[in-house]
Protein backbone atom coordinates (compact mmCIF):
# COMPACT_ATOMS: atom_id res chain seq x y z
CA HIS A 1 9.97 8.99 -0.65
CA MET A 2 8.45 11.29 -3.26
CA ILE A 3 9.39 13.17 -6.42
CA VAL A 4 8.17 16.76 -6.77
CA TYR A 5 8.15 18.19 -10.30
CA LEU A 6 7.83 21.97 -10.62
CA PRO A 7 6.74 24.03 -13.64
CA GLY A 8 9.65 25.66 -15.43
CA ASP A 9 8.62 29.14 -14.32
CA TYR A 10 8.13 28.21 -10.66
CA TYR A 11 11.10 30.18 -9.29
CA ASP A 12 10.39 33.28 -11.37
CA SER A 13 6.61 33.59 -11.35
CA GLY A 14 5.91 34.12 -7.67
CA LYS A 15 2.58 32.33 -8.23
CA ASP A 16 0.87 29.76 -6.06
CA TYR A 17 0.16 26.52 -7.93
CA PRO A 18 -2.43 23.75 -7.79
CA VAL A 19 -1.05 20.29 -7.03
CA LEU A 20 -1.52 16.96 -8.80
CA TYR A 21 -0.76 13.91 -6.65
CA LEU A 22 0.02 11.07 -9.03
CA PHE A 23 -0.04 7.50 -7.65
CA HIS A 24 1.70 4.43 -9.04
CA GLY A 25 0.15 0.98 -9.27
CA ALA A 26 1.27 -2.35 -7.85
CA ARG A 27 4.96 -3.07 -8.49
CA GLY A 28 5.53 0.69 -8.64
CA TYR A 29 7.16 3.34 -6.50
CA GLU A 30 7.98 7.05 -6.73
CA THR A 31 9.94 6.80 -10.01
CA SER A 32 7.36 4.78 -11.96
CA TRP A 33 5.64 7.69 -13.69
CA VAL A 34 9.03 9.13 -14.63
CA ARG A 35 10.44 5.85 -16.01
CA PHE A 36 7.32 4.49 -17.70
CA GLY A 37 4.86 7.39 -18.01
CA GLU A 38 7.19 10.05 -19.46
CA VAL A 39 5.55 12.48 -17.06
CA TYR A 40 8.15 15.25 -17.43
CA HIS A 41 7.91 15.35 -21.23
CA THR A 42 4.11 15.00 -21.18
CA ALA A 43 3.56 17.76 -18.62
CA ASP A 44 5.99 20.17 -20.31
CA SER A 45 4.37 19.56 -23.69
CA LEU A 46 0.83 20.11 -22.38
CA TRP A 47 1.83 23.25 -20.50
CA GLU A 48 3.73 24.68 -23.47
CA ARG A 49 0.73 24.17 -25.77
CA GLY A 50 -1.74 25.57 -23.24
CA LEU A 51 -3.60 22.25 -22.98
CA ALA A 52 -3.22 21.94 -19.22
CA SER A 53 -2.91 24.33 -16.31
CA LYS A 54 0.55 24.54 -14.81
CA CYS A 55 0.74 22.70 -11.53
CA ILE A 56 3.10 21.02 -9.12
CA ILE A 57 3.21 17.25 -9.72
CA VAL A 58 3.92 15.06 -6.70
CA MET A 59 4.69 11.36 -7.16
CA PRO A 60 4.86 9.64 -3.76
CA ASN A 61 5.84 6.08 -2.93
CA MET A 62 2.52 4.67 -1.67
CA ASN A 63 3.79 1.21 -0.69
CA GLN A 64 3.45 -0.11 2.84
CA TYR A 65 6.88 -1.34 3.95
CA ASN A 66 7.68 -3.57 6.89
CA ASP A 67 10.43 -1.74 8.77
CA ASP A 68 12.75 1.25 8.75
CA GLU A 69 15.26 -0.45 6.45
CA ASP A 70 12.54 -1.09 3.87
CA TYR A 71 11.34 2.51 4.09
CA GLU A 72 14.85 3.87 3.70
CA GLY A 73 15.53 1.76 0.62
CA GLY A 74 12.03 2.01 -0.86
CA ARG A 75 12.59 -1.49 -2.23
CA PHE A 76 10.75 -2.95 -5.21
CA LYS A 77 7.63 -4.99 -4.40
CA ASP A 78 5.95 -7.46 -6.70
CA ALA A 79 2.26 -7.02 -7.49
CA TYR A 80 1.03 -9.72 -5.12
CA GLU A 81 2.92 -8.28 -2.15
CA SER A 82 1.90 -4.72 -3.00
CA ILE A 83 -1.80 -5.55 -3.13
CA LEU A 84 -1.83 -7.71 0.00
CA GLU A 85 -0.14 -4.99 2.03
CA VAL A 86 -2.51 -2.15 1.16
CA ASP A 87 -3.71 -1.82 4.73
CA GLY A 88 -4.68 1.84 5.05
CA ILE A 89 -1.70 2.97 7.14
CA VAL A 90 0.13 4.91 4.41
CA GLU A 91 -3.19 6.32 3.16
CA THR A 92 -4.24 7.45 6.65
CA HIS A 93 -1.00 9.42 7.07
CA PHE A 94 -0.94 10.78 3.50
CA LEU A 95 -2.74 14.03 4.29
CA HIS A 96 -0.28 14.99 7.03
CA ASP A 97 2.97 13.46 5.81
CA VAL A 98 2.74 14.20 2.08
CA VAL A 99 0.18 16.97 1.53
CA GLY A 100 1.28 18.80 4.67
CA PHE A 101 4.93 18.59 3.61
CA VAL A 102 4.22 19.84 0.09
CA ASP A 103 2.03 22.73 1.29
CA SER A 104 4.70 23.82 3.79
CA HIS A 105 7.67 23.63 1.41
CA TYR A 106 6.22 24.86 -1.91
CA ARG A 107 3.94 27.65 -3.10
CA THR A 108 0.65 25.78 -3.38
CA VAL A 109 -3.01 26.74 -3.33
CA PRO A 110 -3.77 24.71 -0.19
CA ASP A 111 -7.40 23.75 -0.64
CA GLY A 112 -9.41 20.87 -2.06
CA GLU A 113 -10.45 22.67 -5.23
CA HIS A 114 -6.79 23.05 -6.21
CA ARG A 115 -5.70 19.51 -5.36
CA ALA A 116 -6.08 16.56 -7.72
CA LEU A 117 -5.58 12.87 -7.01
CA ALA A 118 -4.89 10.52 -9.91
CA GLY A 119 -3.65 6.95 -9.84
CA LEU A 120 -3.22 3.75 -11.79
CA SER A 121 -4.58 0.34 -10.73
CA ILE A 122 -4.29 0.01 -6.93
CA GLY A 123 -3.24 3.67 -6.94
CA GLY A 124 -6.57 4.53 -8.57
CA TRP A 125 -8.42 2.77 -5.77
CA GLN A 126 -6.28 4.61 -3.20
CA CYS A 127 -7.30 7.90 -4.86
CA ILE A 128 -11.01 7.01 -4.80
CA CYS A 129 -10.82 6.08 -1.13
CA LEU A 130 -8.68 9.06 -0.10
CA ALA A 131 -11.17 11.44 -1.70
CA ALA A 132 -14.07 9.62 -0.01
CA ASN A 133 -12.36 9.75 3.39
CA TYR A 134 -11.26 13.39 3.07
CA PRO A 135 -13.80 14.97 0.71
CA SER A 136 -13.08 18.57 1.64
CA GLU A 137 -9.37 18.11 0.91
CA PHE A 138 -9.57 16.51 -2.56
CA LYS A 139 -12.19 17.67 -5.06
CA ASN A 140 -10.56 16.36 -8.26
CA VAL A 141 -10.20 12.60 -8.74
CA GLY A 142 -8.88 10.54 -11.64
CA ALA A 143 -8.79 6.74 -11.43
CA MET A 144 -7.07 4.85 -14.26
CA SER A 145 -7.95 1.14 -14.49
CA PRO A 146 -8.60 1.14 -10.74
CA TYR A 147 -8.07 -2.11 -8.84
CA PHE A 148 -11.12 -2.23 -6.58
CA TRP A 149 -10.17 -4.93 -4.09
CA SER A 150 -8.21 -3.68 -1.09
CA MET A 151 -7.09 -7.06 0.22
CA GLY A 152 -4.58 -5.70 2.72
CA ARG A 153 -3.89 -7.11 6.13
CA PRO A 154 -7.08 -6.96 8.19
CA GLY A 155 -7.00 -4.55 11.06
CA ARG A 156 -8.59 -1.51 12.63
CA VAL A 157 -6.86 0.98 10.30
CA HIS A 158 -7.80 -1.02 7.19
CA ARG A 159 -11.45 -1.18 8.23
CA ARG A 160 -11.55 2.50 9.12
CA PHE A 161 -10.02 3.67 5.85
CA TYR A 162 -11.41 1.20 3.31
CA GLY A 163 -14.69 0.33 4.99
CA ARG A 164 -18.10 1.80 4.13
CA ILE A 165 -16.84 3.45 0.91
CA GLU A 166 -20.32 3.72 -0.64
CA SER A 167 -21.57 5.45 2.49
CA LYS A 168 -18.59 7.82 2.47
CA MET A 169 -19.10 8.60 -1.20
CA LYS A 170 -22.75 9.42 -0.57
CA LYS A 171 -21.65 12.11 1.89
CA GLN A 172 -18.82 13.17 -0.40
CA PHE A 173 -21.07 13.90 -3.38
CA ALA A 174 -23.81 15.41 -1.22
CA LEU A 175 -21.57 17.79 0.73
CA TYR A 176 -18.91 18.83 -1.74
CA PRO A 177 -20.27 19.41 -5.23
CA PRO A 178 -19.15 19.98 -7.81
CA LEU A 179 -16.48 17.30 -7.89
CA THR A 180 -14.36 16.63 -10.94
CA TYR A 181 -14.45 12.84 -11.09
CA CYS A 182 -12.96 10.86 -13.98
CA LEU A 183 -12.69 7.13 -14.68
CA TYR A 184 -10.32 5.78 -17.33
CA VAL A 185 -10.08 2.18 -18.56
CA GLY A 186 -8.81 0.34 -21.64
CA GLN A 187 -11.10 -1.30 -24.18
CA TRP A 188 -9.77 -4.79 -23.34
CA ASP A 189 -8.52 -3.96 -19.86
CA MET A 190 -8.78 -6.67 -17.21
CA MET A 191 -10.08 -3.96 -14.87
CA ARG A 192 -12.87 -2.91 -17.23
CA PRO A 193 -15.61 -5.23 -15.77
CA SER A 194 -15.03 -3.94 -12.25
CA THR A 195 -14.84 -0.35 -13.51
CA VAL A 196 -18.17 -0.83 -15.31
CA HIS A 197 -19.63 -2.18 -12.07
CA PHE A 198 -18.34 0.88 -10.21
CA ARG A 199 -19.91 3.07 -12.89
CA SER A 200 -23.25 1.35 -12.34
CA ILE A 201 -23.08 2.22 -8.65
CA MET A 202 -22.35 5.86 -9.49
CA ASP A 203 -25.15 5.95 -12.07
CA ARG A 204 -27.60 4.44 -9.60
CA ARG A 205 -26.65 7.09 -7.06
CA GLY A 206 -26.79 9.88 -9.63
CA TYR A 207 -23.18 10.96 -9.11
CA PRO A 208 -21.66 13.10 -11.86
CA TYR A 209 -18.46 11.82 -13.48
CA LYS A 210 -16.65 11.49 -16.80
CA TYR A 211 -15.79 8.13 -18.32
CA PHE A 212 -13.04 7.52 -20.86
CA ILE A 213 -12.24 4.28 -22.73
């Protein structure tokens, strides 16, 4: 499941638009940014005031469900279940099943420079890892209070997607500059210590990024 939000002039402009893929955190699903993030009002306000470029906003359900009935219902998951079931399967199919669908059904600019990934908590970590696994496809990354421990069910897909992230990022920043890379965290956020640690890795490697508290 996903929600696709189009700029108000989409059907009249004839333009191709960049795409923002916006990920929920644990306990979330495709409606979270609408219900709790006021994304429609925020986007419209920023666009109207010229403070952001108009884009297509895609909010997919990034949970791993157990069977067809779960997928059809997109049922609520508590945080513990959400985190434990981040196993790389949904993420591995994201490029084909979500990005491919959006590019084939809407007027997008279908390249990495015009795609942005942004996510909260476990969604922030999914964004970091998606960009590291597919660096040519995603050149704009925003991680908000990212949850850095992918504790999903062990398996070949999990190891392939979430393994060797530092090595993947080394290739990512070497091969595809300039990246727009942003980290966001609250002053007293429980994720701040791990975000600071992640910053130290990026500083040690000399990777460019922006950091917002």
